[in-house]
Amino acid sequence: MKHAVPVLMTWDIDPTPEVTLEDKKRALALTLTLLSDFQIRCTFLFHAQIAHSLDREISLLVEAGHEIGCHGLTHGDEENYNRMTEDFQREYLSKATSILQSVAKRPIRTFRGPRVKTSHITQKILEELGYRADCSVSSQRIDFVSSNFINVGWIIAPRLPYHPSDRSAFRSGNRNIWVVPVSAVVLPFISTALYTFGPRFMKCFFNMLYTESLRNGKPIVYLGHPFEFAPWSMRIRRGASFSRRVRVHGLGFRRMFCEKNEQRRYEMVKELLAYMKSRPAVEFMTVSEFIHGMLDQSRG
């Protein structure tokens, strides 16, 4: 008998200055409706600075059974968890966790670093704060355009969820926290790939990940952004050197190849969700549900 294929839809709530607050609220409402239509529970990772502005939306997400996770404090240029000092990280993570827990009125157990950055120091602090999962690794992703230029850690990281080492975020070890990698096979299974290559390509990509999951139980982890369902304008970031802009934000030209129309982006995600939902044995769940139901129990 085939086991379940766990699918974890994760949504990052970035600052996105290109989108107004009202449009952000509408985009979250659209996302909530879409997930409700498919009866899917997901994990939404908020940067804490925006939480009070979206407190009603967070409450609605919690009521609908979705998980609220942490995506940092400010998501600013300074918040790079592969470079920050331990004291700086502890200050930011403690503040972010406190804010999100007060707004969501729930424990915060899942983390993804801004720009998917993490470190063994980050994971140490997360563990101290009671987190169960770090979703900041994308195993076997080779990237030439984002801020994670050929991240060697990603290349060597295990594909299956793992307990990290106390010396490396990308090696198995004895920490209690789980690393739940974003799915990738050179390319990442994320919204940017969907908007660049289209639903047909992403369905084939999903089938590859689906076959792997049937074999070894690896979760299929998708990364998207609700605010991509809102109108936005491409803005050139200024005020920093070219090398710093690239290191923090990656090469901006990659956006030129993405679908620009927000309605079309929404329909593309809807089409992909419908396809994933139609496959046998697929079970959508939050990151915390996956850890509790499929990792902790299976490993005693």
Protein backbone atom coordinates (compact mmCIF):
# COMPACT_ATOMS: atom_id res chain seq x y z
CA MET A 1 0.00 0.00 0.00
CA LYS A 2 1.34 3.43 -0.95
CA HIS A 3 1.96 5.83 1.91
CA ALA A 4 0.82 9.44 2.00
CA VAL A 5 2.59 12.08 -0.04
CA PRO A 6 2.87 15.09 2.30
CA VAL A 7 2.63 18.48 0.56
CA LEU A 8 3.59 21.54 2.56
CA MET A 9 2.53 24.82 0.98
CA THR A 10 4.53 27.57 2.68
CA TRP A 11 3.88 31.27 2.10
CA ASP A 12 6.42 33.98 2.94
CA ILE A 13 5.08 37.37 3.97
CA ASP A 14 7.84 39.76 2.86
CA PRO A 15 7.81 43.55 3.30
CA THR A 16 7.14 44.03 -0.45
CA PRO A 17 7.18 47.86 -0.56
CA GLU A 18 5.90 47.64 -4.14
CA VAL A 19 2.45 46.68 -2.75
CA THR A 20 0.14 48.91 -0.69
CA LEU A 21 -1.18 47.70 2.67
CA GLU A 22 -4.74 47.51 1.35
CA ASP A 23 -3.59 45.42 -1.62
CA LYS A 24 -1.66 43.17 0.77
CA LYS A 25 -4.85 42.59 2.76
CA ARG A 26 -6.77 41.80 -0.42
CA ALA A 27 -4.04 39.41 -1.57
CA LEU A 28 -4.17 37.54 1.74
CA ALA A 29 -7.96 37.34 1.47
CA LEU A 30 -7.60 35.89 -2.04
CA THR A 31 -5.09 33.36 -0.78
CA LEU A 32 -7.34 32.35 2.11
CA THR A 33 -10.28 31.86 -0.25
CA LEU A 34 -8.18 29.82 -2.67
CA LEU A 35 -6.97 27.50 0.09
CA SER A 36 -10.47 27.21 1.53
CA ASP A 37 -11.83 26.17 -1.87
CA PHE A 38 -9.29 23.32 -2.01
CA GLN A 39 -9.58 22.56 1.74
CA ILE A 40 -5.84 22.99 2.20
CA ARG A 41 -4.02 23.94 5.40
CA CYS A 42 -0.70 25.77 5.00
CA THR A 43 2.04 27.57 6.87
CA PHE A 44 2.28 31.38 6.57
CA LEU A 45 5.61 32.85 7.63
CA PHE A 46 5.30 36.52 8.62
CA HIS A 47 8.06 39.01 9.29
CA ALA A 48 7.06 40.38 12.66
CA GLN A 49 7.21 44.08 11.77
CA ILE A 50 4.06 43.76 9.67
CA ALA A 51 2.09 41.58 12.08
CA HIS A 52 0.15 44.33 13.89
CA SER A 53 -0.89 45.86 10.54
CA LEU A 54 -2.30 42.49 9.50
CA ASP A 55 -3.64 41.32 12.86
CA ARG A 56 -7.15 40.66 11.54
CA GLU A 57 -5.80 38.69 8.58
CA ILE A 58 -3.61 36.63 10.90
CA SER A 59 -6.62 35.87 13.11
CA LEU A 60 -8.59 34.68 10.07
CA LEU A 61 -5.72 32.45 8.99
CA VAL A 62 -5.51 30.90 12.45
CA GLU A 63 -9.29 30.36 12.54
CA ALA A 64 -9.06 28.56 9.21
CA GLY A 65 -6.50 26.11 10.62
CA HIS A 66 -3.36 27.55 9.06
CA GLU A 67 -0.06 27.78 10.91
CA ILE A 68 1.65 31.11 11.58
CA GLY A 69 5.45 30.98 11.42
CA CYS A 70 8.30 33.47 11.70
CA HIS A 71 10.04 35.07 8.73
CA GLY A 72 12.29 37.32 10.77
CA LEU A 73 11.76 40.67 12.46
CA THR A 74 12.15 43.31 9.73
CA HIS A 75 13.26 41.33 6.66
CA GLY A 76 15.57 44.30 6.15
CA ASP A 77 18.94 44.24 4.44
CA GLU A 78 20.63 43.82 7.82
CA GLU A 79 18.71 40.63 8.64
CA ASN A 80 20.93 38.02 7.01
CA TYR A 81 21.18 35.05 9.34
CA ASN A 82 24.27 33.64 7.69
CA ARG A 83 26.22 36.79 8.65
CA MET A 84 24.69 38.30 11.80
CA THR A 85 26.43 37.98 15.17
CA GLU A 86 24.91 35.67 17.76
CA ASP A 87 23.77 38.56 19.97
CA PHE A 88 22.21 40.33 17.01
CA GLN A 89 20.38 37.16 15.97
CA ARG A 90 19.12 36.48 19.49
CA GLU A 91 17.76 40.03 19.78
CA TYR A 92 15.96 39.87 16.45
CA LEU A 93 14.58 36.36 16.87
CA SER A 94 13.39 36.96 20.43
CA LYS A 95 11.56 40.15 19.44
CA ALA A 96 10.04 38.60 16.32
CA THR A 97 8.82 35.54 18.20
CA SER A 98 7.28 37.62 20.99
CA ILE A 99 5.42 39.88 18.54
CA LEU A 100 4.08 37.04 16.42
CA GLN A 101 2.94 35.01 19.42
CA SER A 102 1.10 38.02 20.84
CA VAL A 103 -0.72 38.65 17.54
CA ALA A 104 -1.41 35.03 16.56
CA LYS A 105 -2.15 33.99 20.16
CA ARG A 106 -0.40 30.75 19.32
CA PRO A 107 3.09 29.36 19.90
CA ILE A 108 5.39 30.04 16.95
CA ARG A 109 7.21 26.85 16.01
CA THR A 110 8.32 27.23 12.36
CA PHE A 111 10.95 29.59 10.96
CA ARG A 112 12.28 30.61 7.57
CA GLY A 113 15.01 33.21 7.38
CA PRO A 114 14.59 36.27 5.17
CA ARG A 115 16.00 35.41 1.74
CA VAL A 116 16.18 31.78 3.00
CA LYS A 117 19.32 32.43 5.06
CA THR A 118 20.21 30.45 8.18
CA SER A 119 23.20 29.18 10.15
CA HIS A 120 24.06 26.79 12.96
CA ILE A 121 23.91 29.80 15.30
CA THR A 122 20.39 30.61 14.08
CA GLN A 123 19.26 27.04 14.71
CA LYS A 124 20.77 27.05 18.18
CA ILE A 125 18.78 30.17 19.10
CA LEU A 126 15.61 28.87 17.46
CA GLU A 127 15.88 25.72 19.54
CA GLU A 128 16.25 27.80 22.71
CA LEU A 129 13.08 29.72 21.76
CA GLY A 130 11.06 26.54 21.31
CA TYR A 131 11.01 26.26 17.51
CA ARG A 132 10.53 22.84 15.96
CA ALA A 133 11.41 23.56 12.31
CA ASP A 134 13.76 25.64 10.19
CA CYS A 135 12.63 25.83 6.55
CA SER A 136 15.57 27.94 5.33
CA VAL A 137 17.42 25.21 3.42
CA SER A 138 16.80 24.14 -0.18
CA SER A 139 18.74 20.92 -0.66
CA GLN A 140 20.43 20.46 -4.04
CA ARG A 141 19.30 23.84 -5.34
CA ILE A 142 21.94 25.48 -7.51
CA ASP A 143 21.15 29.15 -7.94
CA PHE A 144 22.94 31.64 -10.15
CA VAL A 145 20.69 34.70 -9.81
CA SER A 146 19.37 35.00 -6.23
CA SER A 147 21.23 36.13 -3.11
CA ASN A 148 22.15 32.49 -2.47
CA PHE A 149 24.72 32.23 -5.28
CA ILE A 150 25.76 28.57 -5.48
CA ASN A 151 25.18 27.96 -1.78
CA VAL A 152 27.56 25.08 -1.05
CA GLY A 153 25.61 24.26 2.09
CA TRP A 154 22.48 23.67 0.05
CA ILE A 155 24.35 21.40 -2.36
CA ILE A 156 25.57 19.11 0.43
CA ALA A 157 22.45 19.27 2.65
CA PRO A 158 20.36 16.08 3.05
CA ARG A 159 17.25 15.94 0.89
CA LEU A 160 15.11 14.37 3.61
CA PRO A 161 14.22 16.37 6.76
CA TYR A 162 17.03 16.14 9.29
CA HIS A 163 18.25 17.22 12.70
CA PRO A 164 21.15 19.61 12.01
CA SER A 165 24.61 19.55 13.48
CA ASP A 166 25.68 22.08 16.10
CA ARG A 167 28.50 23.06 13.74
CA SER A 168 26.67 23.28 10.41
CA ALA A 169 23.10 24.09 9.40
CA PHE A 170 23.57 21.85 6.37
CA ARG A 171 24.80 18.63 8.00
CA SER A 172 22.92 16.03 10.02
CA GLY A 173 23.57 16.10 13.75
CA ASN A 174 21.95 15.96 17.17
CA ARG A 175 19.98 19.19 17.53
CA ASN A 176 16.31 18.74 18.42
CA ILE A 177 15.07 21.18 15.78
CA TRP A 178 14.16 19.77 12.37
CA VAL A 179 15.33 21.19 9.06
CA VAL A 180 12.52 20.76 6.51
CA PRO A 181 14.04 21.66 3.13
CA VAL A 182 12.22 23.53 0.38
CA SER A 183 11.93 21.11 -2.54
CA ALA A 184 14.47 21.47 -5.33
CA VAL A 185 16.16 19.50 -8.08
CA VAL A 186 18.72 22.09 -9.16
CA LEU A 187 15.73 24.43 -9.69
CA PRO A 188 13.57 25.22 -6.63
CA PHE A 189 9.88 24.32 -6.37
CA ILE A 190 8.79 27.91 -5.76
CA SER A 191 6.45 30.53 -7.18
CA THR A 192 9.18 32.24 -9.21
CA ALA A 193 9.74 29.01 -11.15
CA LEU A 194 5.99 28.74 -11.73
CA TYR A 195 5.71 32.29 -13.05
CA THR A 196 8.79 31.82 -15.25
CA PHE A 197 8.28 28.34 -16.71
CA GLY A 198 4.50 27.98 -16.43
CA PRO A 199 2.06 25.42 -14.96
CA ARG A 200 2.87 22.64 -17.43
CA PHE A 201 6.52 22.65 -16.40
CA MET A 202 5.63 22.79 -12.70
CA LYS A 203 3.26 19.84 -13.03
CA CYS A 204 6.10 17.79 -14.49
CA PHE A 205 8.33 19.04 -11.68
CA PHE A 206 5.70 18.02 -9.13
CA ASN A 207 5.47 14.55 -10.68
CA MET A 208 9.21 14.10 -10.19
CA LEU A 209 8.94 15.11 -6.53
CA TYR A 210 5.80 12.99 -6.12
CA THR A 211 7.60 9.87 -7.37
CA GLU A 212 10.44 10.53 -4.93
CA SER A 213 8.00 10.98 -2.06
CA LEU A 214 6.25 7.69 -2.82
CA ARG A 215 9.63 6.02 -2.54
CA ASN A 216 11.02 7.61 0.62
CA GLY A 217 8.32 9.79 2.23
CA LYS A 218 10.09 13.09 1.52
CA PRO A 219 7.65 16.01 1.86
CA ILE A 220 7.03 18.23 -1.14
CA VAL A 221 7.63 21.78 0.11
CA TYR A 222 6.48 24.71 -2.04
CA LEU A 223 7.44 28.33 -1.35
CA GLY A 224 5.15 31.13 -2.51
CA HIS A 225 4.27 34.74 -1.68
CA PRO A 226 0.62 35.87 -1.30
CA PHE A 227 1.50 39.44 -2.20
CA GLU A 228 2.30 38.23 -5.72
CA PHE A 229 -1.48 38.19 -6.15
CA ALA A 230 -1.49 42.00 -5.86
CA PRO A 231 -0.46 44.70 -8.36
CA TRP A 232 3.17 45.65 -7.90
CA SER A 233 5.72 47.77 -9.63
CA MET A 234 9.35 46.85 -10.26
CA ARG A 235 11.53 49.24 -8.29
CA ILE A 236 15.27 49.65 -8.61
CA ARG A 237 16.91 49.46 -5.22
CA ARG A 238 19.31 52.33 -4.64
CA GLY A 239 21.55 53.56 -1.87
CA ALA A 240 23.92 50.58 -1.73
CA SER A 241 26.80 49.30 -3.78
CA PHE A 242 26.09 46.90 -6.62
CA SER A 243 27.89 44.05 -4.82
CA ARG A 244 25.83 44.56 -1.67
CA ARG A 245 22.53 44.73 -3.59
CA VAL A 246 23.38 41.49 -5.36
CA ARG A 247 24.52 39.78 -2.15
CA VAL A 248 21.31 40.74 -0.34
CA HIS A 249 18.72 40.67 -3.13
CA GLY A 250 20.25 38.75 -6.01
CA LEU A 251 20.21 39.80 -9.64
CA GLY A 252 17.12 41.87 -10.29
CA PHE A 253 16.85 40.96 -13.97
CA ARG A 254 15.38 37.57 -13.07
CA ARG A 255 12.03 39.29 -12.51
CA MET A 256 11.96 40.28 -16.16
CA PHE A 257 11.14 36.69 -17.13
CA CYS A 258 8.29 36.21 -14.65
CA GLU A 259 4.58 36.60 -15.33
CA LYS A 260 3.72 40.20 -14.43
CA ASN A 261 -0.09 40.11 -14.31
CA GLU A 262 -1.34 39.41 -10.79
CA GLN A 263 -4.56 37.75 -11.97
CA ARG A 264 -2.62 35.42 -14.22
CA ARG A 265 -0.25 34.58 -11.34
CA TYR A 266 -3.25 33.70 -9.20
CA GLU A 267 -4.71 31.47 -11.91
CA MET A 268 -1.36 29.72 -12.36
CA VAL A 269 -1.18 28.87 -8.66
CA LYS A 270 -4.80 27.74 -8.73
CA GLU A 271 -4.10 25.43 -11.67
CA LEU A 272 -1.06 23.93 -9.94
CA LEU A 273 -2.98 23.40 -6.69
CA ALA A 274 -5.81 21.67 -8.53
CA TYR A 275 -3.34 19.33 -10.21
CA MET A 276 -1.56 18.48 -6.95
CA LYS A 277 -4.87 17.96 -5.16
CA SER A 278 -5.98 15.49 -7.86
CA ARG A 279 -3.06 13.10 -7.32
CA PRO A 280 -3.64 9.96 -5.22
CA ALA A 281 -2.28 9.87 -1.67
CA VAL A 282 -1.50 13.62 -1.55
CA GLU A 283 -2.08 15.12 1.90
CA PHE A 284 -1.70 18.87 2.40
CA MET A 285 -0.58 19.88 5.89
CA THR A 286 1.24 22.55 7.85
CA VAL A 287 4.91 22.22 8.70
CA SER A 288 4.09 21.57 12.36
CA GLU A 289 1.52 18.94 11.45
CA PHE A 290 4.10 17.19 9.31
CA ILE A 291 6.68 17.18 12.08
CA HIS A 292 4.27 15.96 14.73
CA GLY A 293 2.40 13.46 12.63
CA MET A 294 5.04 12.02 10.33
CA LEU A 295 8.48 12.67 11.81
CA ASP A 296 8.15 12.54 15.59
CA GLN A 297 5.82 9.56 15.57
CA SER A 298 7.80 7.57 12.99
CA ARG A 299 11.03 8.05 14.95
CA GLY A 300 9.54 7.34 18.32
